[in-house]
Amino acid sequence: MWSESNNYGFENEYDYLRSLKEADSYAFTYPFEYIAKNHGNDNYDISTADMVVRLQWSDTEAGYTMTYDVAEMYKIDPAEGNSDAAGFYETDVYWRLVDDLDGMGIGSELRAF
């Protein structure tokens, strides 16, 4: 992390963070399970959908911003006990994304989300 006392040769933190930038954008696809049919008594039919997560470098944020999309969200019925896309992201996809980014050297200081 940049600080005035350990500035890594950069005038400000913004320039330091920009120096850590990797590619301009990334796209990841993460499968997750959802309840296709809830028959009751803990009896479920399970299906799988894909969440596409996109990271885009933002000069304004001096980090990567993130968006996600589930193309088949129309198939996922909340009445069967499912969450919305944000819920699937938070409970299933987020930690896999963070692990992948850490593995690529894109630490939390470069994430604007």
PDB file of N, CA and C in Angstrom:
ATOM      1  N   MET A   1       0.845  -1.173   0.000  1.00  0.00           N
ATOM      2  CA  MET A   1       0.000   0.000   0.000  1.00  0.00           C
ATOM      3  C   MET A   1       0.885   1.228   0.000  1.00  0.00           C
ATOM      4  N   TRP A   2       0.510   2.201  -0.777  1.00  0.00           N
ATOM      5  CA  TRP A   2       1.244   3.445  -0.904  1.00  0.00           C
ATOM      6  C   TRP A   2       1.043   4.310   0.330  1.00  0.00           C
ATOM      7  N   SER A   3       2.096   4.982   0.743  1.00  0.00           N
ATOM      8  CA  SER A   3       2.001   6.002   1.803  1.00  0.00           C
ATOM      9  C   SER A   3       3.033   7.068   1.489  1.00  0.00           C
ATOM     10  N   GLU A   4       2.912   8.205   2.110  1.00  0.00           N
ATOM     11  CA  GLU A   4       3.873   9.282   1.838  1.00  0.00           C
ATOM     12  C   GLU A   4       5.282   8.872   2.228  1.00  0.00           C
ATOM     13  N   SER A   5       5.408   8.090   3.284  1.00  0.00           N
ATOM     14  CA  SER A   5       6.749   7.684   3.717  1.00  0.00           C
ATOM     15  C   SER A   5       7.308   6.541   2.870  1.00  0.00           C
ATOM     16  N   ASN A   6       6.439   5.749   2.263  1.00  0.00           N
ATOM     17  CA  ASN A   6       6.880   4.661   1.393  1.00  0.00           C
ATOM     18  C   ASN A   6       6.104   4.792   0.085  1.00  0.00           C
ATOM     19  N   ASN A   7       6.550   5.722  -0.749  1.00  0.00           N
ATOM     20  CA  ASN A   7       5.771   6.084  -1.938  1.00  0.00           C
ATOM     21  C   ASN A   7       6.154   5.317  -3.193  1.00  0.00           C
ATOM     22  N   TYR A   8       7.060   4.354  -3.076  1.00  0.00           N
ATOM     23  CA  TYR A   8       7.464   3.526  -4.219  1.00  0.00           C
ATOM     24  C   TYR A   8       7.896   4.345  -5.433  1.00  0.00           C
ATOM     25  N   GLY A   9       8.301   5.590  -5.206  1.00  0.00           N
ATOM     26  CA  GLY A   9       8.748   6.445  -6.302  1.00  0.00           C
ATOM     27  C   GLY A   9       7.625   7.183  -7.018  1.00  0.00           C
ATOM     28  N   PHE A  10       6.424   7.141  -6.491  1.00  0.00           N
ATOM     29  CA  PHE A  10       5.279   7.816  -7.117  1.00  0.00           C
ATOM     30  C   PHE A  10       4.861   9.025  -6.288  1.00  0.00           C
ATOM     31  N   GLU A  11       4.435  10.068  -6.987  1.00  0.00           N
ATOM     32  CA  GLU A  11       4.027  11.304  -6.315  1.00  0.00           C
ATOM     33  C   GLU A  11       2.798  11.132  -5.450  1.00  0.00           C
ATOM     34  N   ASN A  12       1.867  10.303  -5.922  1.00  0.00           N
ATOM     35  CA  ASN A  12       0.617  10.145  -5.172  1.00  0.00           C
ATOM     36  C   ASN A  12       0.107   8.711  -5.310  1.00  0.00           C
ATOM     37  N   GLU A  13      -0.876   8.392  -4.487  1.00  0.00           N
ATOM     38  CA  GLU A  13      -1.411   7.033  -4.475  1.00  0.00           C
ATOM     39  C   GLU A  13      -2.088   6.681  -5.796  1.00  0.00           C
ATOM     40  N   TYR A  14      -2.736   7.652  -6.414  1.00  0.00           N
ATOM     41  CA  TYR A  14      -3.405   7.428  -7.700  1.00  0.00           C
ATOM     42  C   TYR A  14      -2.411   6.913  -8.742  1.00  0.00           C
ATOM     43  N   ASP A  15      -1.273   7.574  -8.882  1.00  0.00           N
ATOM     44  CA  ASP A  15      -0.256   7.133  -9.844  1.00  0.00           C
ATOM     45  C   ASP A  15       0.299   5.762  -9.480  1.00  0.00           C
ATOM     46  N   TYR A  16       0.458   5.520  -8.186  1.00  0.00           N
ATOM     47  CA  TYR A  16       0.925   4.206  -7.741  1.00  0.00           C
ATOM     48  C   TYR A  16      -0.075   3.116  -8.140  1.00  0.00           C
ATOM     49  N   LEU A  17      -1.350   3.331  -7.878  1.00  0.00           N
ATOM     50  CA  LEU A  17      -2.364   2.338  -8.220  1.00  0.00           C
ATOM     51  C   LEU A  17      -2.429   2.110  -9.727  1.00  0.00           C
ATOM     52  N   ARG A  18      -2.328   3.173 -10.503  1.00  0.00           N
ATOM     53  CA  ARG A  18      -2.325   3.017 -11.963  1.00  0.00           C
ATOM     54  C   ARG A  18      -1.142   2.173 -12.417  1.00  0.00           C
ATOM     55  N   SER A  19      -0.027   2.255 -11.722  1.00  0.00           N
ATOM     56  CA  SER A  19       1.141   1.460 -12.097  1.00  0.00           C
ATOM     57  C   SER A  19       0.906  -0.041 -11.864  1.00  0.00           C
ATOM     58  N   LEU A  20      -0.032  -0.376 -10.987  1.00  0.00           N
ATOM     59  CA  LEU A  20      -0.335  -1.777 -10.686  1.00  0.00           C
ATOM     60  C   LEU A  20      -1.357  -2.372 -11.646  1.00  0.00           C
ATOM     61  N   LYS A  21      -1.966  -1.536 -12.469  1.00  0.00           N
ATOM     62  CA  LYS A  21      -3.001  -1.976 -13.397  1.00  0.00           C
ATOM     63  C   LYS A  21      -2.471  -3.092 -14.282  1.00  0.00           C
ATOM     64  N   GLU A  22      -3.295  -4.089 -14.481  1.00  0.00           N
ATOM     65  CA  GLU A  22      -2.965  -5.177 -15.390  1.00  0.00           C
ATOM     66  C   GLU A  22      -3.656  -4.875 -16.725  1.00  0.00           C
ATOM     67  N   ALA A  23      -4.540  -5.720 -17.180  1.00  0.00           N
ATOM     68  CA  ALA A  23      -5.272  -5.500 -18.428  1.00  0.00           C
ATOM     69  C   ALA A  23      -6.394  -4.482 -18.197  1.00  0.00           C
ATOM     70  N   ASP A  24      -6.940  -3.948 -19.296  1.00  0.00           N
ATOM     71  CA  ASP A  24      -8.032  -2.983 -19.187  1.00  0.00           C
ATOM     72  C   ASP A  24      -9.319  -3.616 -18.699  1.00  0.00           C
ATOM     73  N   SER A  25      -9.553  -4.879 -19.062  1.00  0.00           N
ATOM     74  CA  SER A  25     -10.797  -5.528 -18.656  1.00  0.00           C
ATOM     75  C   SER A  25     -10.609  -7.040 -18.572  1.00  0.00           C
ATOM     76  N   TYR A  26     -11.497  -7.650 -17.832  1.00  0.00           N
ATOM     77  CA  TYR A  26     -11.520  -9.095 -17.656  1.00  0.00           C
ATOM     78  C   TYR A  26     -12.967  -9.553 -17.662  1.00  0.00           C
ATOM     79  N   ALA A  27     -13.185 -10.786 -18.050  1.00  0.00           N
ATOM     80  CA  ALA A  27     -14.509 -11.399 -17.959  1.00  0.00           C
ATOM     81  C   ALA A  27     -14.337 -12.799 -17.370  1.00  0.00           C
ATOM     82  N   PHE A  28     -15.179 -13.126 -16.419  1.00  0.00           N
ATOM     83  CA  PHE A  28     -15.167 -14.422 -15.762  1.00  0.00           C
ATOM     84  C   PHE A  28     -16.577 -15.007 -15.846  1.00  0.00           C
ATOM     85  N   THR A  29     -16.671 -16.313 -15.934  1.00  0.00           N
ATOM     86  CA  THR A  29     -17.960 -16.988 -15.908  1.00  0.00           C
ATOM     87  C   THR A  29     -17.947 -17.988 -14.760  1.00  0.00           C
ATOM     88  N   TYR A  30     -18.946 -17.855 -13.899  1.00  0.00           N
ATOM     89  CA  TYR A  30     -19.057 -18.736 -12.739  1.00  0.00           C
ATOM     90  C   TYR A  30     -20.409 -19.439 -12.752  1.00  0.00           C
ATOM     91  N   PRO A  31     -20.398 -20.768 -12.789  1.00  0.00           N
ATOM     92  CA  PRO A  31     -21.667 -21.495 -12.666  1.00  0.00           C
ATOM     93  C   PRO A  31     -22.115 -21.494 -11.202  1.00  0.00           C
ATOM     94  N   PHE A  32     -23.418 -21.484 -11.011  1.00  0.00           N
ATOM     95  CA  PHE A  32     -23.971 -21.610  -9.665  1.00  0.00           C
ATOM     96  C   PHE A  32     -25.264 -22.410  -9.754  1.00  0.00           C
ATOM     97  N   GLU A  33     -25.632 -23.006  -8.647  1.00  0.00           N
ATOM     98  CA  GLU A  33     -26.838 -23.830  -8.610  1.00  0.00           C
ATOM     99  C   GLU A  33     -28.012 -23.023  -8.070  1.00  0.00           C
ATOM    100  N   TYR A  34     -29.187 -23.367  -8.573  1.00  0.00           N
ATOM    101  CA  TYR A  34     -30.422 -22.772  -8.070  1.00  0.00           C
ATOM    102  C   TYR A  34     -31.494 -23.849  -8.021  1.00  0.00           C
ATOM    103  N   ILE A  35     -32.557 -23.575  -7.309  1.00  0.00           N
ATOM    104  CA  ILE A  35     -33.659 -24.528  -7.170  1.00  0.00           C
ATOM    105  C   ILE A  35     -34.579 -24.386  -8.382  1.00  0.00           C
ATOM    106  N   ALA A  36     -34.602 -25.411  -9.221  1.00  0.00           N
ATOM    107  CA  ALA A  36     -35.486 -25.400 -10.391  1.00  0.00           C
ATOM    108  C   ALA A  36     -36.923 -25.701  -9.965  1.00  0.00           C
ATOM    109  N   LYS A  37     -37.068 -26.632  -9.036  1.00  0.00           N
ATOM    110  CA  LYS A  37     -38.397 -26.993  -8.534  1.00  0.00           C
ATOM    111  C   LYS A  37     -38.260 -27.428  -7.086  1.00  0.00           C
ATOM    112  N   ASN A  38     -39.053 -26.820  -6.231  1.00  0.00           N
ATOM    113  CA  ASN A  38     -39.083 -27.168  -4.820  1.00  0.00           C
ATOM    114  C   ASN A  38     -40.313 -28.055  -4.595  1.00  0.00           C
ATOM    115  N   HIS A  39     -40.069 -29.328  -4.338  1.00  0.00           N
ATOM    116  CA  HIS A  39     -41.157 -30.279  -4.121  1.00  0.00           C
ATOM    117  C   HIS A  39     -41.585 -30.341  -2.660  1.00  0.00           C
ATOM    118  N   GLY A  40     -40.904 -29.630  -1.783  1.00  0.00           N
ATOM    119  CA  GLY A  40     -41.199 -29.653  -0.356  1.00  0.00           C
ATOM    120  C   GLY A  40     -40.437 -30.756   0.343  1.00  0.00           C
ATOM    121  N   ASN A  41     -40.470 -30.717   1.679  1.00  0.00           N
ATOM    122  CA  ASN A  41     -39.798 -31.728   2.507  1.00  0.00           C
ATOM    123  C   ASN A  41     -38.329 -31.916   2.105  1.00  0.00           C
ATOM    124  N   ASP A  42     -37.638 -30.816   1.851  1.00  0.00           N
ATOM    125  CA  ASP A  42     -36.216 -30.849   1.455  1.00  0.00           C
ATOM    126  C   ASP A  42     -35.954 -31.664   0.201  1.00  0.00           C
ATOM    127  N   ASN A  43     -36.915 -31.682  -0.692  1.00  0.00           N
ATOM    128  CA  ASN A  43     -36.784 -32.394  -1.968  1.00  0.00           C
ATOM    129  C   ASN A  43     -36.780 -31.342  -3.084  1.00  0.00           C
ATOM    130  N   TYR A  44     -35.657 -31.206  -3.772  1.00  0.00           N
ATOM    131  CA  TYR A  44     -35.474 -30.164  -4.774  1.00  0.00           C
ATOM    132  C   TYR A  44     -34.957 -30.733  -6.088  1.00  0.00           C
ATOM    133  N   ASP A  45     -35.339 -30.112  -7.171  1.00  0.00           N
ATOM    134  CA  ASP A  45     -34.660 -30.300  -8.451  1.00  0.00           C
ATOM    135  C   ASP A  45     -33.712 -29.116  -8.586  1.00  0.00           C
ATOM    136  N   ILE A  46     -32.448 -29.404  -8.820  1.00  0.00           N
ATOM    137  CA  ILE A  46     -31.418 -28.371  -8.892  1.00  0.00           C
ATOM    138  C   ILE A  46     -30.985 -28.193 -10.344  1.00  0.00           C
ATOM    139  N   SER A  47     -30.816 -26.954 -10.742  1.00  0.00           N
ATOM    140  CA  SER A  47     -30.266 -26.621 -12.060  1.00  0.00           C
ATOM    141  C   SER A  47     -29.078 -25.688 -11.885  1.00  0.00           C
ATOM    142  N   THR A  48     -28.387 -25.459 -12.958  1.00  0.00           N
ATOM    143  CA  THR A  48     -27.207 -24.608 -12.941  1.00  0.00           C
ATOM    144  C   THR A  48     -27.376 -23.468 -13.936  1.00  0.00           C
ATOM    145  N   ALA A  49     -26.937 -22.288 -13.542  1.00  0.00           N
ATOM    146  CA  ALA A  49     -26.905 -21.120 -14.420  1.00  0.00           C
ATOM    147  C   ALA A  49     -25.501 -20.523 -14.334  1.00  0.00           C
ATOM    148  N   ASP A  50     -25.181 -19.663 -15.270  1.00  0.00           N
ATOM    149  CA  ASP A  50     -23.877 -19.003 -15.298  1.00  0.00           C
ATOM    150  C   ASP A  50     -24.030 -17.522 -15.006  1.00  0.00           C
ATOM    151  N   MET A  51     -23.130 -17.026 -14.170  1.00  0.00           N
ATOM    152  CA  MET A  51     -23.036 -15.586 -13.927  1.00  0.00           C
ATOM    153  C   MET A  51     -21.764 -15.100 -14.620  1.00  0.00           C
ATOM    154  N   VAL A  52     -21.909 -14.101 -15.468  1.00  0.00           N
ATOM    155  CA  VAL A  52     -20.757 -13.489 -16.128  1.00  0.00           C
ATOM    156  C   VAL A  52     -20.402 -12.231 -15.340  1.00  0.00           C
ATOM    157  N   VAL A  53     -19.160 -12.175 -14.886  1.00  0.00           N
ATOM    158  CA  VAL A  53     -18.658 -11.030 -14.123  1.00  0.00           C
ATOM    159  C   VAL A  53     -17.633 -10.321 -14.989  1.00  0.00           C
ATOM    160  N   ARG A  54     -17.815  -9.021 -15.138  1.00  0.00           N
ATOM    161  CA  ARG A  54     -16.893  -8.221 -15.950  1.00  0.00           C
ATOM    162  C   ARG A  54     -16.215  -7.175 -15.073  1.00  0.00           C
ATOM    163  N   LEU A  55     -14.907  -7.086 -15.221  1.00  0.00           N
ATOM    164  CA  LEU A  55     -14.128  -6.050 -14.556  1.00  0.00           C
ATOM    165  C   LEU A  55     -13.606  -5.111 -15.618  1.00  0.00           C
ATOM    166  N   GLN A  56     -13.691  -3.832 -15.338  1.00  0.00           N
ATOM    167  CA  GLN A  56     -13.221  -2.803 -16.262  1.00  0.00           C
ATOM    168  C   GLN A  56     -12.380  -1.815 -15.465  1.00  0.00           C
ATOM    169  N   TRP A  57     -11.201  -1.498 -15.986  1.00  0.00           N
ATOM    170  CA  TRP A  57     -10.360  -0.514 -15.307  1.00  0.00           C
ATOM    171  C   TRP A  57     -11.021   0.849 -15.396  1.00  0.00           C
ATOM    172  N   SER A  58     -11.048   1.569 -14.294  1.00  0.00           N
ATOM    173  CA  SER A  58     -11.598   2.917 -14.238  1.00  0.00           C
ATOM    174  C   SER A  58     -10.507   3.870 -13.778  1.00  0.00           C
ATOM    175  N   ASP A  59     -10.120   4.801 -14.650  1.00  0.00           N
ATOM    176  CA  ASP A  59      -9.140   5.808 -14.248  1.00  0.00           C
ATOM    177  C   ASP A  59      -9.696   6.680 -13.133  1.00  0.00           C
ATOM    178  N   THR A  60     -10.983   6.959 -13.187  1.00  0.00           N
ATOM    179  CA  THR A  60     -11.620   7.792 -12.167  1.00  0.00           C
ATOM    180  C   THR A  60     -11.515   7.146 -10.791  1.00  0.00           C
ATOM    181  N   GLU A  61     -11.739   5.846 -10.737  1.00  0.00           N
ATOM    182  CA  GLU A  61     -11.696   5.107  -9.471  1.00  0.00           C
ATOM    183  C   GLU A  61     -10.286   4.628  -9.129  1.00  0.00           C
ATOM    184  N   ALA A  62      -9.376   4.681 -10.090  1.00  0.00           N
ATOM    185  CA  ALA A  62      -8.025   4.117  -9.946  1.00  0.00           C
ATOM    186  C   ALA A  62      -8.123   2.675  -9.468  1.00  0.00           C
ATOM    187  N   GLY A  63      -9.016   1.937 -10.131  1.00  0.00           N
ATOM    188  CA  GLY A  63      -9.208   0.533  -9.805  1.00  0.00           C
ATOM    189  C   GLY A  63     -10.192  -0.102 -10.771  1.00  0.00           C
ATOM    190  N   TYR A  64     -10.446  -1.369 -10.555  1.00  0.00           N
ATOM    191  CA  TYR A  64     -11.371  -2.106 -11.410  1.00  0.00           C
ATOM    192  C   TYR A  64     -12.793  -2.000 -10.855  1.00  0.00           C
ATOM    193  N   THR A  65     -13.718  -1.650 -11.718  1.00  0.00           N
ATOM    194  CA  THR A  65     -15.133  -1.691 -11.361  1.00  0.00           C
ATOM    195  C   THR A  65     -15.697  -3.013 -11.858  1.00  0.00           C
ATOM    196  N   MET A  66     -16.830  -3.424 -11.296  1.00  0.00           N
ATOM    197  CA  MET A  66     -17.360  -4.744 -11.578  1.00  0.00           C
ATOM    198  C   MET A  66     -18.839  -4.660 -11.906  1.00  0.00           C
ATOM    199  N   THR A  67     -19.248  -5.464 -12.887  1.00  0.00           N
ATOM    200  CA  THR A  67     -20.661  -5.679 -13.186  1.00  0.00           C
ATOM    201  C   THR A  67     -20.865  -7.177 -13.359  1.00  0.00           C
ATOM    202  N   TYR A  68     -22.094  -7.616 -13.168  1.00  0.00           N
ATOM    203  CA  TYR A  68     -22.389  -9.028 -13.385  1.00  0.00           C
ATOM    204  C   TYR A  68     -23.752  -9.157 -14.040  1.00  0.00           C
ATOM    205  N   ASP A  69     -23.937 -10.311 -14.682  1.00  0.00           N
ATOM    206  CA  ASP A  69     -25.173 -10.566 -15.403  1.00  0.00           C
ATOM    207  C   ASP A  69     -25.436 -12.070 -15.400  1.00  0.00           C
ATOM    208  N   VAL A  70     -26.715 -12.419 -15.294  1.00  0.00           N
ATOM    209  CA  VAL A  70     -27.143 -13.809 -15.415  1.00  0.00           C
ATOM    210  C   VAL A  70     -28.137 -13.850 -16.565  1.00  0.00           C
ATOM    211  N   ALA A  71     -27.698 -14.352 -17.708  1.00  0.00           N
ATOM    212  CA  ALA A  71     -28.546 -14.342 -18.906  1.00  0.00           C
ATOM    213  C   ALA A  71     -29.826 -15.146 -18.700  1.00  0.00           C
ATOM    214  N   GLU A  72     -29.762 -16.199 -17.908  1.00  0.00           N
ATOM    215  CA  GLU A  72     -30.920 -17.063 -17.702  1.00  0.00           C
ATOM    216  C   GLU A  72     -31.687 -16.730 -16.422  1.00  0.00           C
ATOM    217  N   MET A  73     -31.562 -15.520 -15.926  1.00  0.00           N
ATOM    218  CA  MET A  73     -32.236 -15.148 -14.684  1.00  0.00           C
ATOM    219  C   MET A  73     -33.748 -15.338 -14.792  1.00  0.00           C
ATOM    220  N   TYR A  74     -34.294 -15.217 -15.983  1.00  0.00           N
ATOM    221  CA  TYR A  74     -35.734 -15.393 -16.181  1.00  0.00           C
ATOM    222  C   TYR A  74     -36.195 -16.806 -15.812  1.00  0.00           C
ATOM    223  N   LYS A  75     -35.284 -17.781 -15.804  1.00  0.00           N
ATOM    224  CA  LYS A  75     -35.622 -19.158 -15.452  1.00  0.00           C
ATOM    225  C   LYS A  75     -35.635 -19.383 -13.936  1.00  0.00           C
ATOM    226  N   ILE A  76     -35.057 -18.468 -13.192  1.00  0.00           N
ATOM    227  CA  ILE A  76     -34.870 -18.653 -11.753  1.00  0.00           C
ATOM    228  C   ILE A  76     -36.036 -17.998 -11.019  1.00  0.00           C
ATOM    229  N   ASP A  77     -36.890 -18.834 -10.459  1.00  0.00           N
ATOM    230  CA  ASP A  77     -38.130 -18.389  -9.838  1.00  0.00           C
ATOM    231  C   ASP A  77     -37.930 -18.168  -8.331  1.00  0.00           C
ATOM    232  N   PRO A  78     -38.124 -16.936  -7.858  1.00  0.00           N
ATOM    233  CA  PRO A  78     -38.014 -16.686  -6.410  1.00  0.00           C
ATOM    234  C   PRO A  78     -39.039 -17.494  -5.603  1.00  0.00           C
ATOM    235  N   ALA A  79     -40.171 -17.822  -6.195  1.00  0.00           N
ATOM    236  CA  ALA A  79     -41.197 -18.586  -5.493  1.00  0.00           C
ATOM    237  C   ALA A  79     -40.728 -19.998  -5.141  1.00  0.00           C
ATOM    238  N   GLU A  80     -39.696 -20.477  -5.808  1.00  0.00           N
ATOM    239  CA  GLU A  80     -39.139 -21.795  -5.515  1.00  0.00           C
ATOM    240  C   GLU A  80     -38.101 -21.735  -4.392  1.00  0.00           C
ATOM    241  N   GLY A  81     -37.832 -20.541  -3.879  1.00  0.00           N
ATOM    242  CA  GLY A  81     -36.867 -20.378  -2.793  1.00  0.00           C
ATOM    243  C   GLY A  81     -35.532 -19.820  -3.234  1.00  0.00           C
ATOM    244  N   ASN A  82     -35.493 -19.229  -4.429  1.00  0.00           N
ATOM    245  CA  ASN A  82     -34.249 -18.678  -4.970  1.00  0.00           C
ATOM    246  C   ASN A  82     -34.088 -17.208  -4.628  1.00  0.00           C
ATOM    247  N   SER A  83     -32.870 -16.778  -4.687  1.00  0.00           N
ATOM    248  CA  SER A  83     -32.515 -15.383  -4.493  1.00  0.00           C
ATOM    249  C   SER A  83     -32.561 -14.656  -5.834  1.00  0.00           C
ATOM    250  N   ASP A  84     -32.256 -13.369  -5.812  1.00  0.00           N
ATOM    251  CA  ASP A  84     -32.056 -12.620  -7.047  1.00  0.00           C
ATOM    252  C   ASP A  84     -30.579 -12.701  -7.432  1.00  0.00           C
ATOM    253  N   ALA A  85     -30.201 -12.064  -8.525  1.00  0.00           N
ATOM    254  CA  ALA A  85     -28.812 -12.134  -9.003  1.00  0.00           C
ATOM    255  C   ALA A  85     -27.836 -11.612  -7.952  1.00  0.00           C
ATOM    256  N   ALA A  86     -28.206 -10.550  -7.254  1.00  0.00           N
ATOM    257  CA  ALA A  86     -27.326 -10.001  -6.215  1.00  0.00           C
ATOM    258  C   ALA A  86     -27.097 -11.015  -5.108  1.00  0.00           C
ATOM    259  N   GLY A  87     -28.121 -11.746  -4.748  1.00  0.00           N
ATOM    260  CA  GLY A  87     -27.981 -12.769  -3.716  1.00  0.00           C
ATOM    261  C   GLY A  87     -27.058 -13.893  -4.137  1.00  0.00           C
ATOM    262  N   PHE A  88     -27.189 -14.349  -5.378  1.00  0.00           N
ATOM    263  CA  PHE A  88     -26.290 -15.395  -5.876  1.00  0.00           C
ATOM    264  C   PHE A  88     -24.855 -14.877  -5.940  1.00  0.00           C
ATOM    265  N   TYR A  89     -24.686 -13.627  -6.339  1.00  0.00           N
ATOM    266  CA  TYR A  89     -23.342 -13.038  -6.386  1.00  0.00           C
ATOM    267  C   TYR A  89     -22.732 -13.030  -4.987  1.00  0.00           C
ATOM    268  N   GLU A  90     -23.482 -12.520  -4.026  1.00  0.00           N
ATOM    269  CA  GLU A  90     -22.957 -12.363  -2.672  1.00  0.00           C
ATOM    270  C   GLU A  90     -22.673 -13.698  -1.985  1.00  0.00           C
ATOM    271  N   THR A  91     -23.531 -14.689  -2.186  1.00  0.00           N
ATOM    272  CA  THR A  91     -23.368 -15.940  -1.447  1.00  0.00           C
ATOM    273  C   THR A  91     -22.510 -16.981  -2.160  1.00  0.00           C
ATOM    274  N   ASP A  92     -22.404 -16.891  -3.467  1.00  0.00           N
ATOM    275  CA  ASP A  92     -21.716 -17.953  -4.199  1.00  0.00           C
ATOM    276  C   ASP A  92     -20.558 -17.452  -5.054  1.00  0.00           C
ATOM    277  N   VAL A  93     -20.753 -16.388  -5.772  1.00  0.00           N
ATOM    278  CA  VAL A  93     -19.778 -15.966  -6.785  1.00  0.00           C
ATOM    279  C   VAL A  93     -18.690 -15.057  -6.223  1.00  0.00           C
ATOM    280  N   TYR A  94     -19.034 -14.154  -5.319  1.00  0.00           N
ATOM    281  CA  TYR A  94     -18.088 -13.146  -4.828  1.00  0.00           C
ATOM    282  C   TYR A  94     -16.768 -13.755  -4.369  1.00  0.00           C
ATOM    283  N   TRP A  95     -16.828 -14.774  -3.530  1.00  0.00           N
ATOM    284  CA  TRP A  95     -15.595 -15.340  -2.970  1.00  0.00           C
ATOM    285  C   TRP A  95     -14.754 -16.054  -4.010  1.00  0.00           C
ATOM    286  N   ARG A  96     -15.394 -16.651  -4.993  1.00  0.00           N
ATOM    287  CA  ARG A  96     -14.624 -17.283  -6.080  1.00  0.00           C
ATOM    288  C   ARG A  96     -13.941 -16.209  -6.917  1.00  0.00           C
ATOM    289  N   LEU A  97     -14.637 -15.106  -7.166  1.00  0.00           N
ATOM    290  CA  LEU A  97     -14.043 -13.990  -7.905  1.00  0.00           C
ATOM    291  C   LEU A  97     -12.845 -13.421  -7.154  1.00  0.00           C
ATOM    292  N   VAL A  98     -13.001 -13.181  -5.869  1.00  0.00           N
ATOM    293  CA  VAL A  98     -11.909 -12.630  -5.063  1.00  0.00           C
ATOM    294  C   VAL A  98     -10.708 -13.573  -5.079  1.00  0.00           C
ATOM    295  N   ASP A  99     -10.945 -14.869  -4.945  1.00  0.00           N
ATOM    296  CA  ASP A  99      -9.841 -15.836  -5.004  1.00  0.00           C
ATOM    297  C   ASP A  99      -9.130 -15.776  -6.355  1.00  0.00           C
ATOM    298  N   ASP A 100      -9.900 -15.709  -7.437  1.00  0.00           N
ATOM    299  CA  ASP A 100      -9.290 -15.632  -8.768  1.00  0.00           C
ATOM    300  C   ASP A 100      -8.482 -14.349  -8.930  1.00  0.00           C
ATOM    301  N   LEU A 101      -9.036 -13.230  -8.474  1.00  0.00           N
ATOM    302  CA  LEU A 101      -8.315 -11.953  -8.590  1.00  0.00           C
ATOM    303  C   LEU A 101      -7.049 -11.950  -7.749  1.00  0.00           C
ATOM    304  N   ASP A 102      -7.134 -12.461  -6.541  1.00  0.00           N
ATOM    305  CA  ASP A 102      -5.932 -12.559  -5.703  1.00  0.00           C
ATOM    306  C   ASP A 102      -4.867 -13.402  -6.401  1.00  0.00           C
ATOM    307  N   GLY A 103      -5.279 -14.504  -7.018  1.00  0.00           N
ATOM    308  CA  GLY A 103      -4.357 -15.365  -7.723  1.00  0.00           C
ATOM    309  C   GLY A 103      -3.703 -14.700  -8.923  1.00  0.00           C
ATOM    310  N   MET A 104      -4.391 -13.708  -9.480  1.00  0.00           N
ATOM    311  CA  MET A 104      -3.856 -12.963 -10.629  1.00  0.00           C
ATOM    312  C   MET A 104      -3.036 -11.756 -10.196  1.00  0.00           C
ATOM    313  N   GLY A 105      -2.949 -11.516  -8.887  1.00  0.00           N
ATOM    314  CA  GLY A 105      -2.208 -10.360  -8.392  1.00  0.00           C
ATOM    315  C   GLY A 105      -3.015  -9.079  -8.383  1.00  0.00           C
ATOM    316  N   ILE A 106      -4.330  -9.189  -8.513  1.00  0.00           N
ATOM    317  CA  ILE A 106      -5.200  -8.007  -8.457  1.00  0.00           C
ATOM    318  C   ILE A 106      -5.782  -7.965  -7.048  1.00  0.00           C
ATOM    319  N   GLY A 107      -5.069  -7.284  -6.163  1.00  0.00           N
ATOM    320  CA  GLY A 107      -5.445  -7.228  -4.754  1.00  0.00           C
ATOM    321  C   GLY A 107      -6.575  -6.250  -4.490  1.00  0.00           C
ATOM    322  N   SER A 108      -6.980  -6.214  -3.241  1.00  0.00           N
ATOM    323  CA  SER A 108      -8.127  -5.382  -2.843  1.00  0.00           C
ATOM    324  C   SER A 108      -7.893  -3.900  -3.121  1.00  0.00           C
ATOM    325  N   GLU A 109      -6.642  -3.453  -3.114  1.00  0.00           N
ATOM    326  CA  GLU A 109      -6.367  -2.034  -3.370  1.00  0.00           C
ATOM    327  C   GLU A 109      -6.712  -1.628  -4.799  1.00  0.00           C
ATOM    328  N   LEU A 110      -6.860  -2.614  -5.698  1.00  0.00           N
ATOM    329  CA  LEU A 110      -7.204  -2.321  -7.098  1.00  0.00           C
ATOM    330  C   LEU A 110      -8.665  -2.573  -7.406  1.00  0.00           C
ATOM    331  N   ARG A 111      -9.447  -2.932  -6.402  1.00  0.00           N
ATOM    332  CA  ARG A 111     -10.858  -3.243  -6.614  1.00  0.00           C
ATOM    333  C   ARG A 111     -11.713  -2.088  -6.130  1.00  0.00           C
ATOM    334  N   ALA A 112     -12.474  -1.526  -7.043  1.00  0.00           N
ATOM    335  CA  ALA A 112     -13.352  -0.407  -6.703  1.00  0.00           C
ATOM    336  C   ALA A 112     -14.773  -0.942  -6.501  1.00  0.00           C
ATOM    337  N   PHE A 113     -14.894  -2.093  -5.844  1.00  0.00           N
ATOM    338  CA  PHE A 113     -16.196  -2.686  -5.546  1.00  0.00           C
ATOM    339  C   PHE A 113     -16.160  -3.375  -4.210  1.00  0.00           C
TER     340      PHE A 113
END
